[in-house]
C-alpha cells in the first residue's frame, strides 16, 4: 500500500479551523499521511486572532528535516511562514527537493488580522520561485503583485517567479464563484454556485493542502485543483455551525465523495433498490433512521443519506415483481438499543440481534417490498476478518 506523504509547513490555529489543523484534517480525509513543521503558534477562534508566537527558524528546519529524513515526502504545502528568516531558510532547504510545492501565502486571517509583516512577505518571493502553484486570495494577490486586477496580478507573478497561480474568487461578490489557473502558456477556469455560509474559516488552507495531497498522489495540476475545489465545497456544505464568527468547515464529514483518483479503485457510496409502494418504502427507511435528502413522488424516487456519508435510494414501480431481490446491510454501533427502539415503533423483525459465526452481530427484517434488511455491528471483522486474503495469496 502506498500513501501520499504530505509535509505541511505553517502556523497552528488553536481554534482548529485553519492552519496546520485544517491541513492535517484535509490530508487525512483524502487518504494521505500529513506531517508538520509548525512556524508559529496562534491564539485564535472564529472571532479573531488574539496572539501570535513565532517558532525559531532553526526549530522549523529541525521539524522539516526530522520528517523528510525518516518518512520521505511526496508534496509540500507552505502556509503561514512566521518570519522573514524562516522564509529564507525554508526556501533554501526546499530547493534541495524535487517534489510539488504549493505555497499559500497567508497574510491576513479570515477575521482580518494581519499575519505577516512586510519583510516576511518580501522574503516569500524565494518560496514562490520554488512553487509549483501559488494560491493567494484576492487581497494577498494584490499585495504580492501590486496590481488591482487579479488576472494581471497573477500574470505578473507567473512572469516574475515562474510558478503557476490560482486566482480564487471567494472574495468577489455574486452568486457564482469563479477560479482560474494561470500558467505561463495556459489558463483553466472553474465556476460554481456560491455556498452561502459564514462558516468558511480555513478555506484557503484546506484548498492548498488538498491540492498538495492530490499532486503528491500523482494527479496533474488541473486535476488536483478540480478535485480539491470539490473537497472544499463539500466541507463548506458540511460545516458544523459552531463558533460565533467565521466557524470551521466540516472536513470530517467528507468521506466518500472525493477519492484519491487513478489507481485508487472505485468507491461504494450509493445503492438503489426497487419497491412497489413509494409511501410505505419512504416511511420504512425513515423510521429505520436514514435521513431523506430527495423526495420525488412523481418519479417514485427517494434518496436517503446514512451517517457515514453514503447514500441509499428506492425506485418504486407498482408493477415491480414482489419476490426478494436485495439484501441491504446497515451498520449500527448501538445495534441492540436501536433494534429495541425500532421494535417498539412497530417494525417487524424476523430475528433480534444475534452473534454470527463470521464475527458479526445481526438483526434481520424486511422492507414493504420484501427486500431483506440487516442491521449489524461488525467492528474490524467487516474489512479485516481472520480469513482476509493476504497480499499475493490469491492467484
Protein backbone atom coordinates (compact mmCIF):
# COMPACT_ATOMS: atom_id res chain seq x y z
CA UNK A 1 0.00 0.00 0.00
CA UNK A 2 1.37 3.40 -0.98
CA UNK A 3 0.31 6.63 0.71
CA UNK A 4 0.99 10.23 -0.25
CA UNK A 5 3.36 11.81 2.28
CA UNK A 6 2.49 15.49 2.61
CA UNK A 7 4.60 17.93 4.62
CA UNK A 8 2.60 20.94 5.79
CA UNK A 9 4.64 23.98 6.85
CA UNK A 10 2.56 26.63 8.56
CA UNK A 11 1.02 28.12 11.67
CA UNK A 12 -1.04 26.41 14.33
CA UNK A 13 -4.66 27.57 14.77
CA UNK A 14 -5.84 26.99 18.34
CA UNK A 15 -9.46 27.07 17.11
CA UNK A 16 -8.83 24.16 14.75
CA UNK A 17 -10.42 25.81 11.72
CA UNK A 18 -7.40 26.81 9.65
CA UNK A 19 -3.63 26.44 9.55
CA UNK A 20 -1.91 23.18 10.40
CA UNK A 21 -5.09 21.77 11.92
CA UNK A 22 -7.03 22.25 8.68
CA UNK A 23 -4.08 20.84 6.72
CA UNK A 24 -3.94 17.64 8.75
CA UNK A 25 -7.70 17.10 8.61
CA UNK A 26 -7.64 17.58 4.84
CA UNK A 27 -4.69 15.30 4.15
CA UNK A 28 -6.14 12.61 6.41
CA UNK A 29 -9.61 12.71 4.85
CA UNK A 30 -8.05 12.44 1.38
CA UNK A 31 -6.10 9.34 2.34
CA UNK A 32 -2.63 10.86 2.73
CA UNK A 33 -0.16 10.97 5.61
CA UNK A 34 0.21 14.50 6.96
CA UNK A 35 3.44 15.74 8.55
CA UNK A 36 4.04 19.17 10.03
CA UNK A 37 6.63 21.86 10.56
CA UNK A 38 4.95 24.49 12.72
CA UNK A 39 6.20 28.01 12.07
CA UNK A 40 4.08 29.88 14.61
CA UNK A 41 1.52 29.32 17.33
CA UNK A 42 -1.57 31.50 17.28
CA UNK A 43 -4.28 32.10 19.85
CA UNK A 44 -7.42 32.41 17.78
CA UNK A 45 -11.01 31.32 17.38
CA UNK A 46 -13.83 32.05 14.96
CA UNK A 47 -13.92 35.70 16.01
CA UNK A 48 -10.28 36.63 15.60
CA UNK A 49 -6.59 36.27 16.43
CA UNK A 50 -5.51 37.44 19.89
CA UNK A 51 -1.89 36.35 19.89
CA UNK A 52 0.94 35.12 17.63
CA UNK A 53 4.17 33.48 18.74
CA UNK A 54 6.75 32.72 16.04
CA UNK A 55 8.72 29.48 16.33
CA UNK A 56 12.52 29.98 15.93
CA UNK A 57 13.62 29.34 12.35
CA UNK A 58 16.12 26.68 13.44
CA UNK A 59 13.34 24.68 15.10
CA UNK A 60 11.21 24.92 11.95
CA UNK A 61 14.08 23.44 9.93
CA UNK A 62 14.57 20.70 12.51
CA UNK A 63 10.92 19.71 12.05
CA UNK A 64 11.31 19.69 8.27
CA UNK A 65 14.44 17.54 8.42
CA UNK A 66 13.00 15.16 11.02
CA UNK A 67 10.05 14.37 8.74
CA UNK A 68 11.87 14.15 5.41
CA UNK A 69 14.86 12.09 6.55
CA UNK A 70 12.64 9.36 8.02
CA UNK A 71 9.35 9.30 6.12
CA UNK A 72 10.28 10.96 2.84
CA UNK A 73 7.92 13.41 1.17
CA UNK A 74 5.75 13.45 -1.98
CA UNK A 75 4.47 17.05 -1.85
CA UNK A 76 4.76 20.13 0.35
CA UNK A 77 2.26 22.76 1.34
CA UNK A 78 3.55 26.07 2.74
CA UNK A 79 1.18 28.37 4.57
CA UNK A 80 1.85 30.99 7.24
CA UNK A 81 5.66 31.19 7.31
CA UNK A 82 6.22 33.09 10.57
CA UNK A 83 9.20 35.35 9.83
CA UNK A 84 11.45 36.57 7.03
CA UNK A 85 14.33 34.45 8.31
CA UNK A 86 12.16 31.34 8.38
CA UNK A 87 11.00 32.03 4.83
CA UNK A 88 14.58 32.30 3.58
CA UNK A 89 15.87 29.22 5.41
CA UNK A 90 12.88 27.08 4.42
CA UNK A 91 13.31 28.13 0.79
CA UNK A 92 16.99 27.12 0.91
CA UNK A 93 16.03 23.72 2.35
CA UNK A 94 13.20 23.05 -0.10
CA UNK A 95 15.42 23.99 -3.03
CA UNK A 96 17.19 20.65 -2.50
CA UNK A 97 13.98 18.69 -3.11
CA UNK A 98 12.23 17.69 -6.30
CA UNK A 99 8.57 17.44 -5.29
CA UNK A 100 5.47 19.57 -5.97
CA UNK A 101 5.25 22.61 -3.68
CA UNK A 102 2.03 24.55 -3.08
CA UNK A 103 2.51 27.97 -1.49
CA UNK A 104 -0.49 29.57 0.16
CA UNK A 105 0.92 33.00 1.10
CA UNK A 106 -1.11 33.53 4.28
CA UNK A 107 -1.02 37.20 5.18
CA UNK A 108 -4.43 38.04 6.60
CA UNK A 109 -6.77 35.82 8.62
CA UNK A 110 -10.45 35.47 7.70
CA UNK A 111 -11.20 37.76 10.66
CA UNK A 112 -8.95 40.47 9.15
CA UNK A 113 -5.97 40.07 11.48
CA UNK A 114 -2.55 40.67 9.88
CA UNK A 115 -0.42 37.51 10.00
CA UNK A 116 2.70 38.57 8.03
CA UNK A 117 4.78 41.75 8.08
CA UNK A 118 6.35 43.43 5.05
CA UNK A 119 9.77 41.77 5.49
CA UNK A 120 8.20 38.32 5.64
CA UNK A 121 6.11 38.99 2.56
CA UNK A 122 9.22 40.14 0.67
CA UNK A 123 11.15 37.05 1.75
CA UNK A 124 8.30 34.86 0.49
CA UNK A 125 9.49 35.55 -3.05
CA UNK A 126 12.13 32.85 -2.58
CA UNK A 127 9.38 30.31 -1.88
CA UNK A 128 7.33 31.45 -4.87
CA UNK A 129 10.30 30.76 -7.16
CA UNK A 130 10.23 27.12 -5.98
CA UNK A 131 6.47 26.74 -6.07
CA UNK A 132 4.55 24.54 -8.43
CA UNK A 133 1.50 26.61 -7.58
CA UNK A 134 0.69 29.72 -5.53
CA UNK A 135 -2.83 30.11 -4.11
CA UNK A 136 -3.21 33.69 -2.80
CA UNK A 137 -6.66 35.11 -2.13
CA UNK A 138 -7.58 38.42 -3.76
CA UNK A 139 -6.09 40.78 -1.11
CA UNK A 140 -2.91 38.67 -0.92
CA UNK A 141 -2.58 38.61 -4.70
CA UNK A 142 -2.91 42.39 -4.85
CA UNK A 143 -0.29 42.84 -2.13
CA UNK A 144 2.18 40.43 -3.74
CA UNK A 145 1.81 41.80 -7.26
CA UNK A 146 0.94 45.45 -6.67
CA UNK A 147 -1.88 45.05 -9.22
CA UNK A 148 -5.57 45.68 -8.60
CA UNK A 149 -6.70 43.42 -11.46
CA UNK A 150 -6.45 39.78 -10.38
CA UNK A 151 -5.58 38.30 -13.77
CA UNK A 152 -2.97 40.99 -14.41
CA UNK A 153 -1.56 40.38 -10.93
CA UNK A 154 -1.40 36.62 -11.47
CA UNK A 155 0.35 37.02 -14.81
CA UNK A 156 2.94 39.30 -13.19
CA UNK A 157 3.66 36.64 -10.51
CA UNK A 158 3.93 33.92 -13.16
CA UNK A 159 6.37 36.08 -15.11
CA UNK A 160 8.42 37.12 -12.06
CA UNK A 161 8.64 33.75 -10.27
CA UNK A 162 7.80 31.03 -12.80
CA UNK A 163 5.09 29.41 -10.66
CA UNK A 164 1.50 28.83 -11.71
CA UNK A 165 -1.05 30.95 -9.82
CA UNK A 166 -4.60 30.05 -8.85
CA UNK A 167 -6.82 33.13 -8.88
CA UNK A 168 -9.57 32.47 -6.33
CA UNK A 169 -12.97 34.13 -6.48
CA UNK A 170 -14.07 33.65 -2.89
CA UNK A 171 -13.64 37.35 -2.02
CA UNK A 172 -15.65 38.51 -5.02
CA UNK A 173 -19.39 39.20 -4.86
CA UNK A 174 -22.21 37.48 -6.70
CA UNK A 175 -23.98 34.13 -6.77
CA UNK A 176 -21.22 32.47 -8.82
CA UNK A 177 -17.68 31.75 -7.67
CA UNK A 178 -15.02 31.57 -10.37
CA UNK A 179 -11.43 30.35 -10.03
CA UNK A 180 -8.73 30.46 -12.69
CA UNK A 181 -5.41 28.65 -13.00
CA UNK A 182 -2.91 30.98 -14.68
CA UNK A 183 0.16 29.31 -16.20
CA UNK A 184 2.83 30.71 -18.49
CA UNK A 185 1.08 29.46 -21.61
CA UNK A 186 -2.39 28.40 -20.48
CA UNK A 187 -5.45 29.36 -18.46
CA UNK A 188 -8.01 26.95 -16.99
CA UNK A 189 -11.15 28.17 -15.26
CA UNK A 190 -13.81 26.75 -12.96
CA UNK A 191 -17.18 28.07 -11.87
CA UNK A 192 -19.63 27.07 -9.17
CA UNK A 193 -22.63 28.38 -7.31
CA UNK A 194 -21.62 30.29 -4.20
CA UNK A 195 -22.30 28.40 -0.97
CA UNK A 196 -23.85 30.90 1.39
CA UNK A 197 -22.36 30.34 4.84
CA UNK A 198 -20.36 32.36 7.35
CA UNK A 199 -18.60 29.17 8.47
CA UNK A 200 -15.76 29.31 5.98
CA UNK A 201 -12.70 29.61 8.21
CA UNK A 202 -9.77 27.74 6.67
CA UNK A 203 -10.95 27.51 3.06
CA UNK A 204 -7.59 28.68 1.71
CA UNK A 205 -5.55 26.32 3.88
CA UNK A 206 -7.87 23.43 3.04
CA UNK A 207 -7.75 24.09 -0.69
CA UNK A 208 -3.95 24.35 -0.80
CA UNK A 209 -3.35 21.22 1.29
CA UNK A 210 -5.89 19.28 -0.77
CA UNK A 211 -4.11 20.31 -3.97
CA UNK A 212 -0.79 19.25 -2.46
CA UNK A 213 -2.24 15.87 -1.46
CA UNK A 214 -3.55 15.18 -4.95
CA UNK A 215 -0.27 16.33 -6.53
CA UNK A 216 1.62 14.06 -4.17
CA UNK A 217 -0.62 11.21 -5.29
CA UNK A 218 0.32 11.74 -8.94
CA UNK A 219 -2.52 13.94 -10.23
CA UNK A 220 -1.89 16.65 -12.81
CA UNK A 221 -2.11 20.25 -11.64
CA UNK A 222 -5.53 20.94 -13.20
CA UNK A 223 -6.91 17.62 -11.93
CA UNK A 224 -5.60 18.32 -8.43
CA UNK A 225 -7.25 21.74 -8.37
CA UNK A 226 -10.53 20.38 -9.73
CA UNK A 227 -10.79 17.70 -7.06
CA UNK A 228 -9.53 19.98 -4.28
CA UNK A 229 -12.25 22.51 -5.13
CA UNK A 230 -14.81 19.73 -4.83
CA UNK A 231 -13.47 18.77 -1.40
CA UNK A 232 -13.66 22.38 -0.17
CA UNK A 233 -17.21 22.80 -1.43
CA UNK A 234 -18.35 19.62 0.30
CA UNK A 235 -16.62 20.66 3.53
CA UNK A 236 -18.45 24.00 3.36
CA UNK A 237 -21.79 22.21 2.94
CA UNK A 238 -20.91 20.09 5.98
CA UNK A 239 -19.82 22.97 8.25
CA UNK A 240 -21.00 22.10 11.78
CA UNK A 241 -22.10 25.66 12.56
CA UNK A 242 -20.00 26.18 15.69
CA UNK A 243 -18.38 29.45 16.70
CA UNK A 244 -19.84 32.94 16.95
CA UNK A 245 -17.83 34.25 14.00
CA UNK A 246 -16.42 32.59 10.90
CA UNK A 247 -16.60 28.99 12.08
CA UNK A 248 -14.74 25.90 10.84
CA UNK A 249 -15.73 23.70 7.94
CA UNK A 250 -16.80 20.07 8.16
CA UNK A 251 -13.74 18.16 6.94
CA UNK A 252 -14.70 15.07 8.93
CA UNK A 253 -17.97 14.62 7.05
CA UNK A 254 -16.34 14.43 3.60
CA UNK A 255 -15.51 10.74 3.43
CA UNK A 256 -16.90 9.04 0.37
CA UNK A 257 -17.22 11.90 -2.10
CA UNK A 258 -13.64 12.67 -3.12
CA UNK A 259 -11.23 9.76 -3.57
CA UNK A 260 -7.55 9.54 -4.36
CA UNK A 261 -8.08 9.30 -8.12
CA UNK A 262 -6.38 7.00 -10.62
CA UNK A 263 -5.34 3.65 -9.22
CA UNK A 264 -7.36 4.02 -6.01
CA UNK A 265 -10.22 1.80 -7.16
CA UNK A 266 -13.96 2.56 -7.19
CA UNK A 267 -15.87 3.69 -4.10
CA UNK A 268 -19.16 2.13 -2.99
CA UNK A 269 -21.28 5.02 -1.79
CA UNK A 270 -24.73 4.57 -3.40
CA UNK A 271 -27.15 1.64 -3.63
CA UNK A 272 -30.63 1.71 -5.21
CA UNK A 273 -33.29 -0.91 -4.56
CA UNK A 274 -36.75 -1.39 -6.05
CA UNK A 275 -40.17 -1.25 -4.43
CA UNK A 276 -43.88 -1.06 -5.22
CA UNK A 277 -45.40 1.37 -2.71
CA UNK A 278 -43.48 4.66 -2.56
CA UNK A 279 -45.09 5.99 0.62
CA UNK A 280 -44.57 2.75 2.56
CA UNK A 281 -40.94 2.46 1.45
CA UNK A 282 -40.17 6.07 2.45
CA UNK A 283 -41.90 5.57 5.80
CA UNK A 284 -39.95 2.34 6.48
CA UNK A 285 -36.48 3.73 5.76
CA UNK A 286 -37.24 6.97 7.58
CA UNK A 287 -38.24 5.01 10.67
CA UNK A 288 -35.05 2.97 10.29
CA UNK A 289 -33.11 6.17 10.94
CA UNK A 290 -31.98 7.27 7.48
CA UNK A 291 -32.17 10.96 6.53
CA UNK A 292 -34.22 11.59 3.39
CA UNK A 293 -32.50 14.07 1.07
CA UNK A 294 -34.50 13.60 -2.17
CA UNK A 295 -38.30 13.29 -2.31
CA UNK A 296 -39.68 12.82 -5.83
CA UNK A 297 -43.06 11.08 -5.61
CA UNK A 298 -43.84 11.95 -9.25
CA UNK A 299 -40.84 9.86 -10.27
CA UNK A 300 -41.39 7.36 -7.44
CA UNK A 301 -37.82 8.00 -6.30
CA UNK A 302 -36.39 8.80 -2.87
CA UNK A 303 -32.79 9.09 -1.73
CA UNK A 304 -31.53 8.81 1.82
CA UNK A 305 -28.23 9.65 3.49
CA UNK A 306 -26.54 7.40 6.03
CA UNK A 307 -24.47 8.61 8.97
CA UNK A 308 -21.27 7.57 7.19
CA UNK A 309 -21.99 9.79 4.16
CA UNK A 310 -23.10 7.03 1.79
CA UNK A 311 -26.47 7.30 0.07
CA UNK A 312 -29.24 4.78 -0.39
CA UNK A 313 -32.26 5.16 -2.67
CA UNK A 314 -35.50 3.45 -3.63
CA UNK A 315 -37.04 3.45 -7.09
CA UNK A 316 -40.66 2.35 -6.94
CA UNK A 317 -42.77 0.74 -9.65
CA UNK A 318 -46.27 -0.57 -8.87
CA UNK A 319 -45.68 -3.33 -11.43
CA UNK A 320 -42.33 -4.42 -9.94
CA UNK A 321 -42.13 -8.13 -9.06
CA UNK A 322 -42.58 -8.75 -5.35
CA UNK A 323 -40.03 -11.52 -4.84
CA UNK A 324 -36.92 -10.76 -2.79
CA UNK A 325 -34.18 -9.21 -4.89
CA UNK A 326 -31.79 -7.47 -2.50
CA UNK A 327 -30.14 -7.86 0.88
CA UNK A 328 -29.15 -4.49 2.34
CA UNK A 329 -26.82 -4.04 5.33
CA UNK A 330 -26.75 -1.00 7.61
CA UNK A 331 -24.10 -0.96 10.33
CA UNK A 332 -25.14 0.40 13.72
CA UNK A 333 -22.82 0.97 16.67
CA UNK A 334 -25.82 0.73 19.04
CA UNK A 335 -27.44 -2.27 17.39
CA UNK A 336 -29.20 -3.76 20.45
CA UNK A 337 -30.65 -0.48 21.69
CA UNK A 338 -31.59 0.61 18.17
CA UNK A 339 -33.39 -2.62 17.36
CA UNK A 340 -35.29 -2.38 20.64
CA UNK A 341 -36.42 1.16 19.77
CA UNK A 342 -37.44 0.14 16.24
CA UNK A 343 -39.41 -2.86 17.53
CA UNK A 344 -41.34 -0.53 19.82
CA UNK A 345 -42.14 1.59 16.74
CA UNK A 346 -43.73 -1.47 15.14
CA UNK A 347 -41.06 -2.57 12.67
CA UNK A 348 -41.34 -6.38 12.37
CA UNK A 349 -38.03 -8.19 12.94
CA UNK A 350 -37.51 -11.72 11.63
CA UNK A 351 -34.92 -12.13 14.33
CA UNK A 352 -33.38 -9.89 17.00
CA UNK A 353 -29.65 -9.14 17.16
CA UNK A 354 -27.61 -12.33 17.41
CA UNK A 355 -23.95 -13.21 17.08
CA UNK A 356 -22.95 -14.91 13.82
CA UNK A 357 -20.08 -17.36 13.13
CA UNK A 358 -18.39 -14.79 10.88
CA UNK A 359 -17.97 -12.35 13.77
CA UNK A 360 -20.90 -10.01 13.08
CA UNK A 361 -23.90 -9.30 15.30
CA UNK A 362 -27.02 -9.09 13.13
CA UNK A 363 -30.74 -8.47 13.25
CA UNK A 364 -32.97 -9.20 10.27
CA UNK A 365 -36.19 -7.67 8.94
CA UNK A 366 -37.85 -6.94 5.59
CA UNK A 367 -38.98 -3.72 3.97
CA UNK A 368 -42.51 -3.35 2.50
CA UNK A 369 -41.31 -4.74 -0.85
CA UNK A 370 -39.79 -7.85 0.69
CA UNK A 371 -36.13 -6.85 0.44
CA UNK A 372 -34.08 -8.28 3.28
CA UNK A 373 -32.60 -5.64 5.58
CA UNK A 374 -29.85 -6.44 8.06
CA UNK A 375 -28.85 -4.17 10.91
CA UNK A 376 -25.43 -5.25 12.07
CA UNK A 377 -22.28 -4.47 14.03
CA UNK A 378 -19.04 -5.94 12.68
CA UNK A 379 -16.16 -3.83 14.01
CA UNK A 380 -12.92 -4.87 12.35
CA UNK A 381 -14.46 -8.12 11.08
CA UNK A 382 -16.02 -6.48 8.01
CA UNK A 383 -12.75 -5.44 6.40
CA UNK A 384 -10.22 -7.40 8.42
CA UNK A 385 -11.58 -10.87 9.23
CA UNK A 386 -9.04 -13.52 10.21
CA UNK A 387 -9.54 -15.15 6.81
CA UNK A 388 -8.99 -11.96 4.77
CA UNK A 389 -6.97 -12.71 1.61
CA UNK A 390 -3.39 -11.67 2.19
CA UNK A 391 -1.35 -9.77 -0.45
CA UNK A 392 -0.11 -12.20 -3.10
CA UNK A 393 -2.21 -15.07 -1.69
CA UNK A 394 -4.88 -15.18 -4.40
CA UNK A 395 -3.90 -16.47 -7.82
